[in-house]
PDB file of N, CA and C in Angstrom:
ATOM      1  N   MET A   1      22.741 114.416 -61.342  1.00  0.00           N
ATOM      2  CA  MET A   1      23.784 115.491 -61.996  1.00  0.00           C
ATOM      3  C   MET A   1      24.782 114.838 -62.762  1.00  0.00           C
ATOM      4  N   LEU A   2      25.331 115.048 -63.874  1.00  0.00           N
ATOM      5  CA  LEU A   2      26.443 114.743 -64.751  1.00  0.00           C
ATOM      6  C   LEU A   2      27.744 115.212 -64.309  1.00  0.00           C
ATOM      7  N   THR A   3      28.641 114.493 -64.340  1.00  0.00           N
ATOM      8  CA  THR A   3      30.008 115.085 -63.851  1.00  0.00           C
ATOM      9  C   THR A   3      30.868 114.648 -64.910  1.00  0.00           C
ATOM     10  N   LYS A   4      31.883 115.517 -64.976  1.00  0.00           N
ATOM     11  CA  LYS A   4      32.910 115.177 -66.087  1.00  0.00           C
ATOM     12  C   LYS A   4      34.380 114.824 -65.470  1.00  0.00           C
ATOM     13  N   ASP A   5      35.068 113.706 -66.001  1.00  0.00           N
ATOM     14  CA  ASP A   5      36.409 113.546 -65.513  1.00  0.00           C
ATOM     15  C   ASP A   5      37.380 114.427 -65.824  1.00  0.00           C
ATOM     16  N   LEU A   6      37.954 115.280 -64.891  1.00  0.00           N
ATOM     17  CA  LEU A   6      38.865 116.116 -65.359  1.00  0.00           C
ATOM     18  C   LEU A   6      40.362 115.730 -64.791  1.00  0.00           C
ATOM     19  N   SER A   7      40.426 114.339 -64.404  1.00  0.00           N
ATOM     20  CA  SER A   7      41.948 114.103 -63.977  1.00  0.00           C
ATOM     21  C   SER A   7      42.848 114.258 -64.995  1.00  0.00           C
ATOM     22  N   VAL A   8      43.997 114.285 -64.649  1.00  0.00           N
ATOM     23  CA  VAL A   8      44.931 114.317 -65.440  1.00  0.00           C
ATOM     24  C   VAL A   8      46.495 113.772 -64.571  1.00  0.00           C
ATOM     25  N   THR A   9      47.378 113.299 -65.564  1.00  0.00           N
ATOM     26  CA  THR A   9      48.513 112.847 -65.001  1.00  0.00           C
ATOM     27  C   THR A   9      49.651 113.310 -65.429  1.00  0.00           C
ATOM     28  N   PHE A  10      50.493 114.033 -64.566  1.00  0.00           N
ATOM     29  CA  PHE A  10      51.574 114.919 -64.895  1.00  0.00           C
ATOM     30  C   PHE A  10      52.815 114.053 -64.246  1.00  0.00           C
ATOM     31  N   CYS A  11      53.797 113.613 -65.282  1.00  0.00           N
ATOM     32  CA  CYS A  11      54.868 113.093 -64.428  1.00  0.00           C
ATOM     33  C   CYS A  11      54.628 111.749 -63.548  1.00  0.00           C
ATOM     34  N   GLY A  12      53.722 111.154 -63.886  1.00  0.00           N
ATOM     35  CA  GLY A  12      53.320 109.676 -63.492  1.00  0.00           C
ATOM     36  C   GLY A  12      52.477 109.955 -62.127  1.00  0.00           C
ATOM     37  N   VAL A  13      52.074 111.205 -61.771  1.00  0.00           N
ATOM     38  CA  VAL A  13      51.088 111.292 -60.720  1.00  0.00           C
ATOM     39  C   VAL A  13      49.805 111.662 -60.896  1.00  0.00           C
ATOM     40  N   LYS A  14      48.919 111.043 -60.727  1.00  0.00           N
ATOM     41  CA  LYS A  14      47.531 111.442 -61.227  1.00  0.00           C
ATOM     42  C   LYS A  14      46.692 112.349 -60.200  1.00  0.00           C
ATOM     43  N   PHE A  15      46.265 113.508 -60.844  1.00  0.00           N
ATOM     44  CA  PHE A  15      45.641 114.506 -59.995  1.00  0.00           C
ATOM     45  C   PHE A  15      44.273 114.523 -60.121  1.00  0.00           C
ATOM     46  N   PRO A  16      43.172 114.626 -59.550  1.00  0.00           N
ATOM     47  CA  PRO A  16      41.929 114.779 -59.737  1.00  0.00           C
ATOM     48  C   PRO A  16      41.172 115.614 -60.634  1.00  0.00           C
ATOM     49  N   ASN A  17      42.149 116.715 -60.761  1.00  0.00           N
ATOM     50  CA  ASN A  17      41.936 117.633 -61.790  1.00  0.00           C
ATOM     51  C   ASN A  17      43.038 118.570 -62.154  1.00  0.00           C
ATOM     52  N   PRO A  18      43.068 119.411 -63.098  1.00  0.00           N
ATOM     53  CA  PRO A  18      44.210 120.200 -63.193  1.00  0.00           C
ATOM     54  C   PRO A  18      44.520 121.692 -62.558  1.00  0.00           C
ATOM     55  N   PHE A  19      43.558 121.634 -61.587  1.00  0.00           N
ATOM     56  CA  PHE A  19      43.722 123.029 -60.812  1.00  0.00           C
ATOM     57  C   PHE A  19      44.564 122.901 -59.576  1.00  0.00           C
ATOM     58  N   CYS A  20      45.700 123.502 -59.545  1.00  0.00           N
ATOM     59  CA  CYS A  20      46.523 123.417 -58.275  1.00  0.00           C
ATOM     60  C   CYS A  20      46.946 124.779 -57.765  1.00  0.00           C
ATOM     61  N   LEU A  21      47.080 124.922 -56.577  1.00  0.00           N
ATOM     62  CA  LEU A  21      47.403 126.059 -55.944  1.00  0.00           C
ATOM     63  C   LEU A  21      48.919 126.292 -56.046  1.00  0.00           C
ATOM     64  N   SER A  22      49.230 127.598 -56.595  1.00  0.00           N
ATOM     65  CA  SER A  22      50.670 127.752 -56.538  1.00  0.00           C
ATOM     66  C   SER A  22      51.472 127.925 -55.154  1.00  0.00           C
ATOM     67  N   SER A  23      52.579 128.083 -55.153  1.00  0.00           N
ATOM     68  CA  SER A  23      53.382 128.269 -54.013  1.00  0.00           C
ATOM     69  C   SER A  23      53.296 129.629 -53.464  1.00  0.00           C
ATOM     70  N   SER A  24      52.441 129.540 -52.277  1.00  0.00           N
ATOM     71  CA  SER A  24      52.003 131.038 -51.894  1.00  0.00           C
ATOM     72  C   SER A  24      51.733 130.633 -50.291  1.00  0.00           C
ATOM     73  N   PRO A  25      51.467 131.728 -49.547  1.00  0.00           N
ATOM     74  CA  PRO A  25      50.808 131.661 -48.062  1.00  0.00           C
ATOM     75  C   PRO A  25      49.823 130.801 -48.137  1.00  0.00           C
ATOM     76  N   VAL A  26      48.979 130.701 -49.132  1.00  0.00           N
ATOM     77  CA  VAL A  26      47.520 130.049 -48.969  1.00  0.00           C
ATOM     78  C   VAL A  26      48.029 128.494 -48.721  1.00  0.00           C
ATOM     79  N   GLY A  27      49.173 128.091 -49.227  1.00  0.00           N
ATOM     80  CA  GLY A  27      49.419 126.708 -48.843  1.00  0.00           C
ATOM     81  C   GLY A  27      50.536 126.371 -47.842  1.00  0.00           C
ATOM     82  N   ASN A  28      50.821 127.102 -47.037  1.00  0.00           N
ATOM     83  CA  ASN A  28      52.033 127.358 -46.229  1.00  0.00           C
ATOM     84  C   ASN A  28      51.893 126.279 -44.809  1.00  0.00           C
ATOM     85  N   CYS A  29      50.639 126.044 -44.462  1.00  0.00           N
ATOM     86  CA  CYS A  29      50.332 125.041 -43.379  1.00  0.00           C
ATOM     87  C   CYS A  29      49.536 124.103 -43.607  1.00  0.00           C
ATOM     88  N   TYR A  30      49.241 123.010 -42.628  1.00  0.00           N
ATOM     89  CA  TYR A  30      48.631 121.899 -43.170  1.00  0.00           C
ATOM     90  C   TYR A  30      47.112 122.350 -43.204  1.00  0.00           C
ATOM     91  N   GLU A  31      46.533 123.258 -42.029  1.00  0.00           N
ATOM     92  CA  GLU A  31      45.304 123.511 -42.301  1.00  0.00           C
ATOM     93  C   GLU A  31      44.751 124.126 -43.388  1.00  0.00           C
ATOM     94  N   MET A  32      45.659 124.924 -44.025  1.00  0.00           N
ATOM     95  CA  MET A  32      45.123 125.445 -45.296  1.00  0.00           C
ATOM     96  C   MET A  32      45.059 124.569 -46.334  1.00  0.00           C
ATOM     97  N   CYS A  33      46.137 123.557 -46.304  1.00  0.00           N
ATOM     98  CA  CYS A  33      46.449 122.609 -47.221  1.00  0.00           C
ATOM     99  C   CYS A  33      45.270 121.679 -47.281  1.00  0.00           C
ATOM    100  N   ALA A  34      44.851 121.287 -45.964  1.00  0.00           N
ATOM    101  CA  ALA A  34      43.805 120.310 -45.905  1.00  0.00           C
ATOM    102  C   ALA A  34      42.444 120.737 -46.276  1.00  0.00           C
ATOM    103  N   LYS A  35      42.217 122.408 -46.154  1.00  0.00           N
ATOM    104  CA  LYS A  35      40.916 122.961 -46.430  1.00  0.00           C
ATOM    105  C   LYS A  35      41.074 123.177 -48.131  1.00  0.00           C
ATOM    106  N   ALA A  36      42.083 123.416 -48.663  1.00  0.00           N
ATOM    107  CA  ALA A  36      41.858 123.503 -50.127  1.00  0.00           C
ATOM    108  C   ALA A  36      41.719 122.112 -50.736  1.00  0.00           C
ATOM    109  N   TYR A  37      42.503 120.820 -49.919  1.00  0.00           N
ATOM    110  CA  TYR A  37      42.014 119.556 -50.644  1.00  0.00           C
ATOM    111  C   TYR A  37      40.509 119.478 -50.552  1.00  0.00           C
ATOM    112  N   ASP A  38      40.124 119.637 -49.561  1.00  0.00           N
ATOM    113  CA  ASP A  38      38.362 119.370 -48.963  1.00  0.00           C
ATOM    114  C   ASP A  38      37.528 120.072 -50.039  1.00  0.00           C
ATOM    115  N   THR A  39      38.255 121.415 -50.362  1.00  0.00           N
ATOM    116  CA  THR A  39      37.423 122.085 -51.355  1.00  0.00           C
ATOM    117  C   THR A  39      37.394 121.668 -52.900  1.00  0.00           C
ATOM    118  N   GLY A  40      38.252 120.949 -53.369  1.00  0.00           N
ATOM    119  CA  GLY A  40      38.439 120.358 -54.493  1.00  0.00           C
ATOM    120  C   GLY A  40      39.623 120.857 -55.299  1.00  0.00           C
ATOM    121  N   TRP A  41      40.642 121.265 -54.823  1.00  0.00           N
ATOM    122  CA  TRP A  41      41.645 121.642 -55.563  1.00  0.00           C
ATOM    123  C   TRP A  41      42.455 120.355 -55.841  1.00  0.00           C
ATOM    124  N   GLY A  42      42.991 120.366 -56.982  1.00  0.00           N
ATOM    125  CA  GLY A  42      43.698 119.123 -57.467  1.00  0.00           C
ATOM    126  C   GLY A  42      45.103 118.763 -56.771  1.00  0.00           C
ATOM    127  N   GLY A  43      45.812 119.913 -56.481  1.00  0.00           N
ATOM    128  CA  GLY A  43      46.893 119.888 -55.815  1.00  0.00           C
ATOM    129  C   GLY A  43      47.430 121.253 -55.350  1.00  0.00           C
ATOM    130  N   ILE A  44      48.814 121.158 -54.569  1.00  0.00           N
ATOM    131  CA  ILE A  44      49.408 122.413 -54.216  1.00  0.00           C
ATOM    132  C   ILE A  44      50.974 122.093 -54.486  1.00  0.00           C
ATOM    133  N   VAL A  45      51.389 123.257 -54.998  1.00  0.00           N
ATOM    134  CA  VAL A  45      52.842 123.435 -55.319  1.00  0.00           C
ATOM    135  C   VAL A  45      53.630 124.022 -54.218  1.00  0.00           C
ATOM    136  N   PHE A  46      54.531 123.240 -53.597  1.00  0.00           N
ATOM    137  CA  PHE A  46      55.289 123.938 -52.559  1.00  0.00           C
ATOM    138  C   PHE A  46      56.523 124.361 -52.805  1.00  0.00           C
ATOM    139  N   LYS A  47      56.997 125.534 -52.378  1.00  0.00           N
ATOM    140  CA  LYS A  47      58.170 126.072 -52.707  1.00  0.00           C
ATOM    141  C   LYS A  47      59.653 125.241 -52.087  1.00  0.00           C
ATOM    142  N   THR A  48      58.962 124.578 -50.987  1.00  0.00           N
ATOM    143  CA  THR A  48      60.180 123.873 -50.168  1.00  0.00           C
ATOM    144  C   THR A  48      59.553 122.969 -49.315  1.00  0.00           C
ATOM    145  N   ILE A  49      59.802 121.749 -48.946  1.00  0.00           N
ATOM    146  CA  ILE A  49      59.392 121.119 -47.908  1.00  0.00           C
ATOM    147  C   ILE A  49      60.693 120.247 -47.286  1.00  0.00           C
ATOM    148  N   GLY A  50      60.404 120.022 -46.062  1.00  0.00           N
ATOM    149  CA  GLY A  50      61.140 119.083 -45.327  1.00  0.00           C
ATOM    150  C   GLY A  50      60.783 118.871 -43.989  1.00  0.00           C
ATOM    151  N   PHE A  51      61.443 118.161 -43.074  1.00  0.00           N
ATOM    152  CA  PHE A  51      61.061 118.034 -41.472  1.00  0.00           C
ATOM    153  C   PHE A  51      61.319 119.060 -41.108  1.00  0.00           C
ATOM    154  N   SER A  52      61.929 119.974 -40.887  1.00  0.00           N
ATOM    155  CA  SER A  52      62.418 121.026 -40.058  1.00  0.00           C
ATOM    156  C   SER A  52      63.058 122.112 -40.629  1.00  0.00           C
ATOM    157  N   PRO A  53      62.544 123.468 -40.290  1.00  0.00           N
ATOM    158  CA  PRO A  53      63.002 124.575 -40.868  1.00  0.00           C
ATOM    159  C   PRO A  53      64.705 124.733 -40.741  1.00  0.00           C
ATOM    160  N   PRO A  54      65.379 125.227 -41.895  1.00  0.00           N
ATOM    161  CA  PRO A  54      66.801 125.337 -41.851  1.00  0.00           C
ATOM    162  C   PRO A  54      67.282 126.100 -40.895  1.00  0.00           C
TER     163      PRO A  54
END
């Protein structure tokens, strides 16, 4: 099977493809982020990220 290279570089960061999940409940925990990565999403946009909740 032939595959196409869909990788993109944005602000110096290389993504495997241009499809990213938006900031939403879908990416609010590690398990969901890992599942998105495993299914082929190129990235995840976080609203806020930190070591502990404010």
